Amino acid sequence: MAQDNWQNQGGVGVKEQTIITVRPPQQYRVVMLNDDVTTMDFVVMVLQQVFRKSMADATSLMMKIHTTGQAVVGVYSYDIAVTLKQKAVNLARVNGFPLQLRVVPDEE
């Protein structure tokens, strides 16, 4: 985006142009880790309620977490990623589960 600035120097108008570049914010992956205590049903529920996944997507992600040990459950700006992670962890703790998630920079 260009912004025009006018200056008057000795009766002559001089136009300066300033270029402003806007970059999209750095994105972060929220990674959910497998554990031996948190139930599959609870993981699906968290994926649906916290990360707004459909039943099919939540079930597929849960199976990936279960079989590979972890899966990326979403990519967000930093503040949103941290907020969703904390919301999921809080929900897990209230329900007695040791669910763990990580927020890592998205490598494009």
Protein backbone atom coordinates (compact mmCIF):
# COMPACT_ATOMS: atom_id res chain seq x y z
CA MET A 1 0.00 0.00 0.00
CA ALA A 2 1.37 3.41 -0.92
CA GLN A 3 0.84 6.54 1.12
CA ASP A 4 1.46 9.96 -0.40
CA ASN A 5 3.09 12.68 1.69
CA TRP A 6 3.39 16.28 0.48
CA GLN A 7 6.06 18.65 1.69
CA ASN A 8 6.49 22.31 0.80
CA GLN A 9 10.14 23.14 0.26
CA GLY A 10 10.86 26.74 -0.77
CA GLY A 11 7.54 27.25 -2.52
CA VAL A 12 7.85 23.99 -4.50
CA GLY A 13 5.67 21.05 -3.58
CA VAL A 14 7.65 17.83 -3.27
CA LYS A 15 5.75 14.57 -3.25
CA GLU A 16 7.20 11.66 -1.31
CA GLN A 17 5.80 8.18 -1.52
CA THR A 18 6.08 5.79 1.39
CA ILE A 19 5.58 2.09 0.73
CA ILE A 20 3.86 0.23 3.56
CA THR A 21 4.02 -3.55 3.40
CA VAL A 22 1.60 -5.63 5.44
CA ARG A 23 2.61 -9.22 6.09
CA PRO A 24 0.20 -11.87 7.32
CA PRO A 25 0.88 -13.00 10.90
CA GLN A 26 3.14 -15.99 11.57
CA GLN A 27 1.06 -19.16 11.76
CA TYR A 28 1.36 -21.85 14.45
CA ARG A 29 0.37 -25.51 14.45
CA VAL A 30 -1.52 -26.99 17.38
CA VAL A 31 -0.31 -30.57 17.80
CA MET A 32 -2.25 -33.06 19.96
CA LEU A 33 -0.23 -35.90 21.53
CA ASN A 34 -1.33 -39.45 22.26
CA ASP A 35 -1.38 -40.83 25.79
CA ASP A 36 -2.52 -44.08 27.39
CA VAL A 37 -5.23 -42.52 29.60
CA THR A 38 -7.30 -40.03 27.60
CA THR A 39 -10.19 -41.86 25.93
CA MET A 40 -10.79 -41.80 22.21
CA ASP A 41 -14.32 -40.50 22.78
CA PHE A 42 -12.99 -37.59 24.82
CA VAL A 43 -10.43 -36.70 22.13
CA VAL A 44 -13.17 -36.68 19.48
CA MET A 45 -15.33 -34.46 21.70
CA VAL A 46 -12.44 -31.98 22.23
CA LEU A 47 -11.72 -31.89 18.51
CA GLN A 48 -15.37 -31.13 17.80
CA GLN A 49 -16.05 -28.64 20.59
CA VAL A 50 -12.74 -26.79 20.86
CA PHE A 51 -11.33 -27.09 17.34
CA ARG A 52 -14.72 -27.11 15.52
CA LYS A 53 -14.04 -30.31 13.56
CA SER A 54 -16.82 -32.38 12.02
CA MET A 55 -17.48 -35.84 13.45
CA ALA A 56 -15.73 -37.44 10.46
CA ASP A 57 -12.68 -35.15 10.68
CA ALA A 58 -12.47 -35.49 14.48
CA THR A 59 -12.63 -39.29 14.26
CA SER A 60 -9.99 -39.38 11.52
CA LEU A 61 -7.67 -37.07 13.51
CA MET A 62 -8.20 -39.12 16.68
CA MET A 63 -7.15 -42.28 14.83
CA LYS A 64 -4.07 -40.55 13.44
CA ILE A 65 -3.13 -39.37 16.95
CA HIS A 66 -3.70 -42.89 18.29
CA THR A 67 -1.65 -44.66 15.60
CA THR A 68 1.19 -42.19 14.99
CA GLY A 69 1.46 -40.59 18.43
CA GLN A 70 0.47 -37.07 17.37
CA ALA A 71 -1.34 -34.99 14.77
CA VAL A 72 -1.74 -31.37 13.78
CA VAL A 73 -5.28 -30.40 14.75
CA GLY A 74 -5.18 -26.87 13.35
CA VAL A 75 -3.06 -23.95 12.15
CA TYR A 76 -3.77 -20.52 13.63
CA SER A 77 -2.19 -17.21 14.56
CA TYR A 78 -0.23 -17.44 17.82
CA ASP A 79 -2.87 -15.98 20.15
CA ILE A 80 -5.62 -18.21 18.80
CA ALA A 81 -3.40 -21.32 18.86
CA VAL A 82 -2.43 -20.75 22.50
CA THR A 83 -6.03 -19.99 23.52
CA LEU A 84 -7.39 -23.15 21.88
CA LYS A 85 -4.60 -25.27 23.36
CA GLN A 86 -5.32 -23.94 26.85
CA LYS A 87 -9.06 -24.43 26.42
CA ALA A 88 -8.49 -28.09 25.43
CA VAL A 89 -6.05 -28.70 28.31
CA ASN A 90 -8.41 -27.09 30.84
CA LEU A 91 -11.29 -29.25 29.60
CA ALA A 92 -9.12 -32.35 29.88
CA ARG A 93 -7.99 -31.52 33.43
CA VAL A 94 -11.57 -30.88 34.60
CA ASN A 95 -12.43 -34.34 33.27
CA GLY A 96 -9.36 -36.02 34.80
CA PHE A 97 -7.38 -36.59 31.60
CA PRO A 98 -3.66 -35.83 31.02
CA LEU A 99 -4.18 -34.71 27.40
CA GLN A 100 -1.20 -32.76 26.05
CA LEU A 101 -0.96 -30.34 23.16
CA ARG A 102 1.88 -28.28 21.76
CA VAL A 103 1.97 -25.01 19.82
CA VAL A 104 4.80 -24.92 17.26
CA PRO A 105 5.64 -22.50 14.44
CA ASP A 106 4.22 -23.56 11.09
CA GLU A 107 7.04 -24.31 8.67
CA GLU A 108 5.82 -23.44 5.22
